[in-house]
N, C-alpha and C. Protein backbone atom coordinates (compact mmCIF):
# COMPACT_ATOMS: atom_id res chain seq x y z
N UNK A 1 -0.25 -15.17 8.02
CA UNK A 1 -1.14 -14.49 7.16
C UNK A 1 -0.39 -13.97 5.90
N UNK A 2 -1.08 -14.24 4.75
CA UNK A 2 -0.47 -13.88 3.44
C UNK A 2 -1.45 -13.03 2.70
N UNK A 3 -0.94 -12.44 1.63
CA UNK A 3 -1.81 -11.52 0.80
C UNK A 3 -2.26 -12.19 -0.46
N UNK A 4 -3.48 -12.08 -0.81
CA UNK A 4 -3.94 -12.44 -2.18
C UNK A 4 -3.01 -11.80 -3.23
N UNK A 5 -2.48 -12.57 -4.19
CA UNK A 5 -1.70 -11.77 -5.25
C UNK A 5 -2.09 -12.23 -6.55
N UNK A 6 -2.02 -11.21 -7.52
CA UNK A 6 -2.29 -11.41 -8.89
C UNK A 6 -0.89 -11.32 -9.65
N UNK A 7 -0.67 -12.31 -10.57
CA UNK A 7 0.62 -12.28 -11.22
C UNK A 7 0.33 -12.36 -12.74
N UNK A 8 1.12 -11.68 -13.51
CA UNK A 8 1.10 -11.68 -14.96
C UNK A 8 2.64 -11.71 -15.57
N UNK A 9 2.73 -12.36 -16.53
CA UNK A 9 4.07 -12.25 -17.31
C UNK A 9 5.23 -13.18 -16.75
N UNK A 10 6.29 -13.01 -17.23
CA UNK A 10 7.45 -13.85 -16.85
C UNK A 10 8.60 -12.97 -16.11
N UNK A 11 9.65 -13.66 -15.89
CA UNK A 11 10.78 -13.01 -15.09
C UNK A 11 11.40 -11.89 -16.03
N UNK A 12 11.99 -10.94 -15.39
CA UNK A 12 12.21 -10.72 -13.86
C UNK A 12 11.04 -10.06 -13.26
N UNK A 13 10.93 -10.26 -11.93
CA UNK A 13 9.56 -9.72 -11.41
C UNK A 13 9.73 -8.48 -10.85
N UNK A 14 8.57 -7.67 -10.86
CA UNK A 14 8.49 -6.41 -10.18
C UNK A 14 7.14 -6.56 -9.33
N UNK A 15 7.18 -6.06 -8.10
CA UNK A 15 6.10 -6.15 -7.10
C UNK A 15 5.51 -4.69 -7.03
N UNK A 16 4.21 -4.67 -7.30
CA UNK A 16 3.49 -3.37 -7.36
C UNK A 16 2.43 -3.33 -6.31
N UNK A 17 2.45 -2.33 -5.42
CA UNK A 17 1.62 -2.32 -4.22
C UNK A 17 0.75 -1.00 -4.47
N UNK A 18 -0.62 -1.28 -4.53
CA UNK A 18 -1.57 -0.14 -4.83
C UNK A 18 -1.90 0.54 -3.50
N UNK A 19 -2.53 1.62 -3.72
CA UNK A 19 -2.99 2.49 -2.51
C UNK A 19 -4.24 1.88 -1.81
N UNK A 20 -4.50 2.62 -0.75
CA UNK A 20 -5.53 2.15 0.23
C UNK A 20 -6.93 2.22 -0.37
N UNK A 21 -7.17 2.94 -1.42
CA UNK A 21 -8.57 2.86 -1.90
C UNK A 21 -8.86 2.13 -3.21
N UNK A 22 -7.66 1.80 -3.97
CA UNK A 22 -7.65 1.07 -5.15
C UNK A 22 -7.06 -0.38 -5.03
N UNK A 23 -6.08 -0.49 -4.30
CA UNK A 23 -5.44 -1.77 -3.92
C UNK A 23 -4.90 -2.35 -5.29
N UNK A 24 -4.91 -3.56 -5.39
CA UNK A 24 -4.17 -4.18 -6.54
C UNK A 24 -4.88 -3.96 -7.90
N UNK A 25 -6.19 -3.78 -7.74
CA UNK A 25 -6.90 -3.37 -9.02
C UNK A 25 -6.47 -2.11 -9.70
N UNK A 26 -5.93 -1.24 -8.91
CA UNK A 26 -5.63 0.11 -9.51
C UNK A 26 -4.45 -0.13 -10.48
N UNK A 27 -3.74 -1.08 -10.44
CA UNK A 27 -2.54 -1.36 -11.35
C UNK A 27 -2.82 -2.42 -12.36
N UNK A 28 -4.03 -2.85 -12.39
CA UNK A 28 -4.41 -3.96 -13.44
C UNK A 28 -4.02 -3.56 -14.85
N UNK A 29 -4.36 -2.38 -15.38
CA UNK A 29 -3.97 -2.03 -16.64
C UNK A 29 -2.62 -1.80 -16.97
N UNK A 30 -1.87 -1.40 -15.98
CA UNK A 30 -0.44 -1.29 -16.11
C UNK A 30 0.25 -2.71 -16.18
N UNK A 31 -0.29 -3.63 -15.36
CA UNK A 31 0.20 -4.93 -15.18
C UNK A 31 0.06 -5.70 -16.62
N UNK A 32 -1.07 -5.47 -17.27
CA UNK A 32 -1.24 -6.14 -18.45
C UNK A 32 -0.13 -5.58 -19.61
N UNK A 33 0.09 -4.34 -19.61
CA UNK A 33 0.98 -3.74 -20.49
C UNK A 33 2.46 -4.30 -20.17
N UNK A 34 2.69 -4.23 -18.88
CA UNK A 34 4.13 -4.60 -18.46
C UNK A 34 4.44 -6.02 -18.65
N UNK A 35 3.32 -6.90 -18.60
CA UNK A 35 3.55 -8.32 -18.43
C UNK A 35 4.13 -8.89 -19.75
N UNK A 36 4.16 -8.08 -20.88
CA UNK A 36 4.86 -8.51 -22.12
C UNK A 36 6.24 -8.68 -21.92
N UNK A 37 6.78 -7.84 -20.99
CA UNK A 37 8.36 -7.89 -20.76
C UNK A 37 8.75 -8.38 -19.37
N UNK A 38 7.97 -8.43 -18.45
CA UNK A 38 8.36 -8.71 -16.98
C UNK A 38 7.25 -9.41 -16.43
N UNK A 39 7.55 -10.00 -15.21
CA UNK A 39 6.56 -10.59 -14.39
C UNK A 39 6.06 -9.54 -13.37
N UNK A 40 4.75 -9.28 -13.26
CA UNK A 40 4.25 -8.29 -12.37
C UNK A 40 3.43 -9.06 -11.28
N UNK A 41 3.70 -8.63 -10.03
CA UNK A 41 3.12 -9.19 -8.95
C UNK A 41 2.34 -8.19 -8.27
N UNK A 42 0.96 -8.33 -8.20
CA UNK A 42 0.23 -7.33 -7.53
C UNK A 42 -0.50 -7.80 -6.26
N UNK A 43 0.13 -7.62 -5.09
CA UNK A 43 -0.47 -8.10 -3.81
C UNK A 43 -1.71 -7.23 -3.38
N UNK A 44 -2.69 -7.87 -2.87
CA UNK A 44 -3.91 -7.12 -2.40
C UNK A 44 -3.57 -6.83 -0.89
N UNK A 45 -3.75 -5.61 -0.48
CA UNK A 45 -3.51 -5.32 0.89
C UNK A 45 -4.60 -6.08 1.76
N UNK A 46 -4.15 -6.31 3.07
CA UNK A 46 -5.04 -7.00 3.95
C UNK A 46 -6.32 -5.94 4.21
N UNK A 47 -5.98 -4.67 4.28
CA UNK A 47 -7.06 -3.71 4.46
C UNK A 47 -8.09 -3.83 3.43
N UNK A 48 -7.72 -3.80 2.14
CA UNK A 48 -8.65 -3.97 0.96
C UNK A 48 -9.35 -5.32 0.91
N UNK A 49 -8.61 -6.35 1.23
CA UNK A 49 -9.16 -7.60 1.12
C UNK A 49 -10.17 -7.90 2.22
N UNK A 50 -9.90 -7.34 3.46
CA UNK A 50 -10.86 -7.54 4.58
C UNK A 50 -11.99 -6.70 4.34
N UNK A 51 -11.83 -5.48 3.75
CA UNK A 51 -13.06 -4.66 3.55
C UNK A 51 -13.99 -5.10 2.44
N UNK A 52 -13.39 -5.84 1.43
CA UNK A 52 -14.00 -6.41 0.37
C UNK A 52 -15.01 -7.61 0.90
N UNK A 53 -14.44 -8.31 1.87
CA UNK A 53 -15.11 -9.54 2.37
C UNK A 53 -15.89 -9.19 3.67
N UNK A 54 -15.89 -7.93 4.07
CA UNK A 54 -16.68 -7.48 5.18
C UNK A 54 -16.20 -8.21 6.42
N UNK A 55 -14.74 -8.41 6.56
CA UNK A 55 -14.26 -8.84 7.85
C UNK A 55 -13.35 -7.82 8.45
N UNK A 56 -13.30 -7.88 9.83
CA UNK A 56 -12.46 -6.91 10.55
C UNK A 56 -11.02 -7.17 10.36
N UNK A 57 -10.16 -6.15 10.42
CA UNK A 57 -8.74 -6.38 10.43
C UNK A 57 -8.29 -7.19 11.69
N UNK A 58 -7.14 -7.79 11.46
CA UNK A 58 -6.61 -8.78 12.64
C UNK A 58 -6.25 -7.77 13.73
N UNK A 59 -6.28 -8.30 15.08
CA UNK A 59 -5.96 -7.64 16.09
C UNK A 59 -4.39 -7.04 16.00
N UNK A 60 -4.19 -5.87 16.45
CA UNK A 60 -2.93 -5.26 16.42
C UNK A 60 -2.33 -4.90 15.06
N UNK A 61 -3.36 -4.76 14.13
CA UNK A 61 -3.03 -4.43 12.64
C UNK A 61 -2.22 -3.10 12.63
N UNK A 62 -1.19 -3.19 11.77
CA UNK A 62 -0.41 -2.11 11.50
C UNK A 62 0.31 -2.15 10.19
N UNK A 63 1.08 -1.22 9.74
CA UNK A 63 1.78 -1.33 8.46
C UNK A 63 2.70 -2.49 8.57
N UNK A 64 3.39 -2.89 9.77
CA UNK A 64 4.20 -4.04 9.85
C UNK A 64 3.38 -5.35 9.56
N UNK A 65 2.19 -5.28 9.89
CA UNK A 65 1.24 -6.59 9.57
C UNK A 65 1.26 -6.71 8.04
N UNK A 66 1.09 -5.65 7.32
CA UNK A 66 0.99 -5.71 5.87
C UNK A 66 2.39 -6.15 5.24
N UNK A 67 3.55 -5.49 5.84
CA UNK A 67 4.81 -5.81 5.25
C UNK A 67 5.26 -7.33 5.53
N UNK A 68 4.86 -7.72 6.71
CA UNK A 68 5.12 -9.17 7.16
C UNK A 68 4.44 -10.05 6.21
N UNK A 69 3.16 -9.67 5.91
CA UNK A 69 2.26 -10.65 5.11
C UNK A 69 2.78 -10.60 3.58
N UNK A 70 3.30 -9.40 3.22
CA UNK A 70 3.90 -9.30 1.92
C UNK A 70 5.19 -10.27 1.79
N UNK A 71 6.07 -10.31 2.80
CA UNK A 71 7.17 -10.99 2.87
C UNK A 71 6.78 -12.60 2.73
N UNK A 72 5.74 -13.04 3.51
CA UNK A 72 5.39 -14.41 3.45
C UNK A 72 4.70 -14.83 2.03
N UNK A 73 4.03 -13.86 1.41
CA UNK A 73 3.35 -14.00 0.15
C UNK A 73 4.48 -14.16 -0.93
N UNK A 74 5.55 -13.32 -0.82
CA UNK A 74 6.61 -13.41 -1.85
C UNK A 74 7.28 -14.74 -1.63
N UNK A 75 7.56 -15.15 -0.35
CA UNK A 75 8.09 -16.48 -0.14
C UNK A 75 7.33 -17.67 -0.81
N UNK A 76 5.97 -17.64 -0.66
CA UNK A 76 5.20 -18.58 -1.23
C UNK A 76 5.33 -18.59 -2.84
N UNK A 77 5.55 -17.47 -3.39
CA UNK A 77 5.65 -17.39 -4.85
C UNK A 77 7.10 -17.73 -5.24
N UNK A 78 7.95 -18.01 -4.29
CA UNK A 78 9.28 -18.32 -4.65
C UNK A 78 10.14 -17.14 -4.91
N UNK A 79 9.71 -15.98 -4.53
CA UNK A 79 10.55 -14.66 -4.60
C UNK A 79 11.23 -14.31 -3.44
N UNK A 80 12.23 -15.17 -3.11
CA UNK A 80 13.04 -15.00 -1.85
C UNK A 80 14.17 -14.11 -1.96
N UNK A 81 14.70 -13.79 -3.18
CA UNK A 81 15.71 -12.92 -3.45
C UNK A 81 15.26 -11.42 -3.49
N UNK A 82 16.10 -10.46 -3.84
CA UNK A 82 15.79 -9.24 -3.96
C UNK A 82 14.81 -8.89 -5.08
N UNK A 83 13.81 -8.13 -4.90
CA UNK A 83 12.88 -7.77 -5.94
C UNK A 83 12.85 -6.22 -6.14
N UNK A 84 12.22 -5.80 -7.23
CA UNK A 84 12.07 -4.45 -7.51
C UNK A 84 10.62 -4.11 -6.94
N UNK A 85 10.53 -3.07 -6.07
CA UNK A 85 9.19 -2.74 -5.43
C UNK A 85 8.73 -1.32 -5.88
N UNK A 86 7.38 -1.33 -6.22
CA UNK A 86 6.87 -0.02 -6.64
C UNK A 86 5.52 0.07 -5.66
N UNK A 87 5.43 1.16 -4.98
CA UNK A 87 4.34 1.39 -4.18
C UNK A 87 3.74 2.71 -4.32
N UNK A 88 2.40 2.81 -4.22
CA UNK A 88 1.62 4.14 -4.39
C UNK A 88 0.93 4.34 -3.12
N UNK A 89 0.88 5.42 -2.59
CA UNK A 89 0.19 5.98 -1.46
C UNK A 89 0.37 4.93 -0.26
N UNK A 90 -0.66 4.27 0.22
CA UNK A 90 -0.53 3.28 1.27
C UNK A 90 0.37 2.24 0.83
N UNK A 91 0.34 1.84 -0.35
CA UNK A 91 1.22 0.82 -0.83
C UNK A 91 2.77 1.24 -0.71
N UNK A 92 3.06 2.55 -0.93
CA UNK A 92 4.38 3.03 -0.71
C UNK A 92 4.75 2.92 0.72
N UNK A 93 4.01 3.04 1.66
CA UNK A 93 4.27 2.86 3.15
C UNK A 93 4.63 1.35 3.35
N UNK A 94 3.90 0.53 2.81
CA UNK A 94 4.11 -0.86 3.03
C UNK A 94 5.39 -1.25 2.41
N UNK A 95 5.65 -0.80 1.12
CA UNK A 95 6.89 -1.12 0.39
C UNK A 95 8.00 -0.63 1.16
N UNK A 96 7.89 0.72 1.74
CA UNK A 96 9.02 1.28 2.46
C UNK A 96 9.34 0.51 3.67
N UNK A 97 8.24 0.04 4.46
CA UNK A 97 8.46 -0.66 5.54
C UNK A 97 9.10 -2.04 5.29
N UNK A 98 8.68 -2.60 4.33
CA UNK A 98 9.21 -3.96 3.78
C UNK A 98 10.71 -3.80 3.57
N UNK A 99 11.15 -2.71 2.83
CA UNK A 99 12.50 -2.55 2.44
C UNK A 99 13.38 -2.19 3.54
N UNK A 100 12.80 -1.39 4.51
CA UNK A 100 13.63 -0.97 5.68
C UNK A 100 13.92 -2.15 6.58
N UNK A 101 12.89 -3.09 6.77
CA UNK A 101 13.03 -4.26 7.58
C UNK A 101 13.70 -5.42 6.98
N UNK A 102 13.74 -5.44 5.60
CA UNK A 102 14.31 -6.56 4.81
C UNK A 102 15.19 -5.95 3.68
N UNK A 103 16.25 -5.23 3.97
CA UNK A 103 16.95 -4.58 2.77
C UNK A 103 17.50 -5.60 1.99
N UNK A 104 17.81 -6.76 2.32
CA UNK A 104 18.31 -7.91 1.49
C UNK A 104 17.29 -8.30 0.47
N UNK A 105 16.05 -8.02 0.73
CA UNK A 105 14.90 -8.47 -0.30
C UNK A 105 14.46 -7.37 -1.14
N UNK A 106 15.05 -6.07 -1.09
CA UNK A 106 14.54 -5.05 -2.01
C UNK A 106 15.71 -4.61 -2.89
N UNK A 107 15.62 -4.88 -4.18
CA UNK A 107 16.67 -4.41 -5.01
C UNK A 107 16.57 -3.03 -5.46
N UNK A 108 15.36 -2.51 -5.83
CA UNK A 108 15.00 -1.17 -6.03
C UNK A 108 13.67 -0.84 -5.33
N UNK A 109 13.51 0.49 -5.10
CA UNK A 109 12.36 0.94 -4.40
C UNK A 109 11.86 2.24 -5.00
N UNK A 110 10.49 2.24 -5.53
CA UNK A 110 9.95 3.42 -6.10
C UNK A 110 8.75 3.69 -5.21
N UNK A 111 8.78 4.89 -4.70
CA UNK A 111 7.56 5.33 -3.79
C UNK A 111 6.96 6.60 -4.60
N UNK A 112 5.63 6.45 -4.81
CA UNK A 112 4.83 7.40 -5.42
C UNK A 112 3.79 7.87 -4.36
N UNK A 113 3.78 9.08 -3.86
CA UNK A 113 2.79 9.73 -3.10
C UNK A 113 2.71 9.00 -1.70
N UNK A 114 3.80 8.62 -1.05
CA UNK A 114 3.62 7.95 0.34
C UNK A 114 3.02 8.94 1.22
N UNK A 115 2.14 8.32 2.10
CA UNK A 115 1.37 9.15 3.13
C UNK A 115 2.32 9.60 4.23
N UNK A 116 3.04 10.55 4.10
CA UNK A 116 4.13 10.96 5.06
C UNK A 116 3.62 12.11 5.96
N UNK A 117 2.27 12.10 6.27
CA UNK A 117 1.76 13.21 7.01
C UNK A 117 2.49 13.37 8.43
N UNK A 118 2.85 12.22 8.91
CA UNK A 118 3.60 12.36 10.39
C UNK A 118 4.93 13.13 10.32
N UNK A 119 5.42 13.51 9.10
CA UNK A 119 6.64 14.12 9.14
C UNK A 119 6.55 15.54 8.68
N UNK A 120 5.38 16.01 8.44
CA UNK A 120 5.07 17.33 7.97
C UNK A 120 5.27 18.35 9.21
N UNK A 121 6.23 19.45 8.92
CA UNK A 121 6.51 20.25 9.92
C UNK A 121 5.24 21.06 10.32
N UNK A 122 5.20 21.43 11.71
CA UNK A 122 4.11 22.13 12.28
C UNK A 122 3.73 23.40 11.50
N UNK A 123 4.74 24.18 11.06
CA UNK A 123 4.51 25.38 10.41
C UNK A 123 3.93 25.25 9.04
N UNK A 124 4.18 24.18 8.44
CA UNK A 124 3.43 23.84 7.13
C UNK A 124 2.04 23.55 7.36
N UNK A 125 1.66 22.81 8.38
CA UNK A 125 0.37 22.39 8.74
C UNK A 125 -0.41 23.68 9.09
N UNK A 126 0.13 24.62 9.79
CA UNK A 126 -0.44 25.88 10.09
C UNK A 126 -0.77 26.72 8.82
N UNK A 127 0.19 26.78 7.93
CA UNK A 127 0.04 27.54 6.73
C UNK A 127 -0.86 26.93 5.62
N UNK A 128 -0.97 25.68 5.61
CA UNK A 128 -1.68 24.84 4.56
C UNK A 128 -2.97 24.19 5.15
N UNK A 129 -3.98 24.86 4.95
CA UNK A 129 -5.37 24.43 5.46
C UNK A 129 -5.78 23.09 4.95
N UNK A 130 -5.55 22.84 3.71
CA UNK A 130 -5.97 21.56 3.08
C UNK A 130 -5.01 20.40 3.77
N UNK A 131 -3.77 20.62 3.80
CA UNK A 131 -3.01 19.55 4.43
C UNK A 131 -3.31 19.32 5.95
N UNK A 132 -3.63 20.42 6.63
CA UNK A 132 -4.01 20.37 8.00
C UNK A 132 -5.32 19.54 8.15
N UNK A 133 -6.31 19.86 7.29
CA UNK A 133 -7.52 19.09 7.33
C UNK A 133 -7.40 17.66 7.03
N UNK A 134 -6.48 17.41 5.98
CA UNK A 134 -6.24 15.89 5.68
C UNK A 134 -5.66 15.24 6.92
N UNK A 135 -4.61 15.80 7.70
CA UNK A 135 -4.07 15.18 8.79
C UNK A 135 -5.16 15.03 9.85
N UNK A 136 -5.95 15.93 10.08
CA UNK A 136 -6.95 15.83 11.10
C UNK A 136 -8.02 14.61 10.75
N UNK A 137 -8.33 14.58 9.46
CA UNK A 137 -9.18 13.57 9.02
C UNK A 137 -8.54 12.15 9.22
N UNK A 138 -7.31 11.99 8.80
CA UNK A 138 -6.60 10.71 8.86
C UNK A 138 -6.54 10.32 10.34
N UNK A 139 -6.46 11.31 11.28
CA UNK A 139 -6.40 10.87 12.66
C UNK A 139 -7.76 10.33 13.21
N UNK A 140 -8.72 10.46 12.43
CA UNK A 140 -10.09 9.91 12.91
C UNK A 140 -10.27 8.49 12.49
N UNK A 141 -9.27 8.03 11.62
CA UNK A 141 -9.38 6.68 11.07
C UNK A 141 -8.62 5.66 12.07
N UNK A 142 -9.25 4.65 12.22
CA UNK A 142 -8.58 3.63 13.09
C UNK A 142 -8.73 2.29 12.32
N UNK A 143 -7.75 1.25 12.63
CA UNK A 143 -7.74 -0.06 11.93
C UNK A 143 -9.15 -0.80 12.20
N UNK A 144 -9.74 -0.56 13.40
CA UNK A 144 -11.07 -1.19 13.67
C UNK A 144 -12.27 -0.47 13.25
N UNK A 145 -12.16 0.78 12.66
CA UNK A 145 -13.31 1.69 12.47
C UNK A 145 -13.67 1.51 11.01
N UNK A 146 -14.86 1.66 10.83
CA UNK A 146 -15.37 1.56 9.44
C UNK A 146 -15.65 3.06 9.00
N UNK A 147 -14.92 3.55 7.92
CA UNK A 147 -15.14 5.02 7.65
C UNK A 147 -16.64 5.25 7.11
N UNK A 148 -17.04 6.33 7.57
CA UNK A 148 -18.38 6.71 6.97
C UNK A 148 -18.37 7.17 5.59
N UNK A 149 -19.60 7.21 4.90
CA UNK A 149 -19.45 7.74 3.45
C UNK A 149 -18.98 9.23 3.57
N UNK A 150 -19.36 10.01 4.46
CA UNK A 150 -19.00 11.39 4.52
C UNK A 150 -17.47 11.43 4.78
N UNK A 151 -16.87 10.60 5.48
CA UNK A 151 -15.35 10.66 5.60
C UNK A 151 -14.59 10.16 4.28
N UNK A 152 -15.20 9.20 3.64
CA UNK A 152 -14.65 8.86 2.44
C UNK A 152 -14.80 9.90 1.38
N UNK A 153 -15.86 10.43 1.27
CA UNK A 153 -15.99 11.64 0.36
C UNK A 153 -15.07 12.87 0.64
N UNK A 154 -14.92 13.14 1.90
CA UNK A 154 -13.98 14.21 2.37
C UNK A 154 -12.56 13.68 2.02
N UNK A 155 -12.15 12.58 2.24
CA UNK A 155 -10.85 12.09 2.01
C UNK A 155 -10.57 12.24 0.45
N UNK A 156 -11.46 11.75 -0.31
CA UNK A 156 -11.30 11.87 -1.85
C UNK A 156 -11.21 13.28 -2.25
N UNK A 157 -12.06 14.15 -1.70
CA UNK A 157 -12.00 15.47 -2.06
C UNK A 157 -10.69 16.22 -1.69
N UNK A 158 -10.19 15.81 -0.47
CA UNK A 158 -8.90 16.49 -0.13
C UNK A 158 -7.80 16.01 -0.94
N UNK A 159 -7.86 14.83 -1.53
CA UNK A 159 -6.76 14.33 -2.29
C UNK A 159 -6.64 15.12 -3.65
N UNK A 160 -7.93 15.73 -3.96
CA UNK A 160 -7.83 16.54 -5.21
C UNK A 160 -8.39 15.54 -6.31
């Protein structure tokens, strides 16, 4: 399984992974500006691609599914050496997983707003109602479940 990728510009490459709600499209304006000096690779997550085509996620889908597909996609593009990775939100989780599993393939790693709710201390969840509500909402999402409009609105609201 590979990811649909969008590329602009010339070498050296930077791989930019968008979040779970915007995907590759979220970085299109940045990519156009950066492409004057570097090659920008914007992989589309399996989650976004499958949602857009109204297809279910593959059985056993997880972050590792995304990072393995990213590795195969970079291989197909001839990017087998270390690359600079930038990830936002869900894309940051994929970039981190990719870098941890393949440290020889990650030259630099920039993570913006990774979803690290699993490491929030219990006392902070008790004290911060918004964060607690976000964690509770995220626990209702599953890879085979289609979020309701109400869940999506609540998610975007809690993000601020």
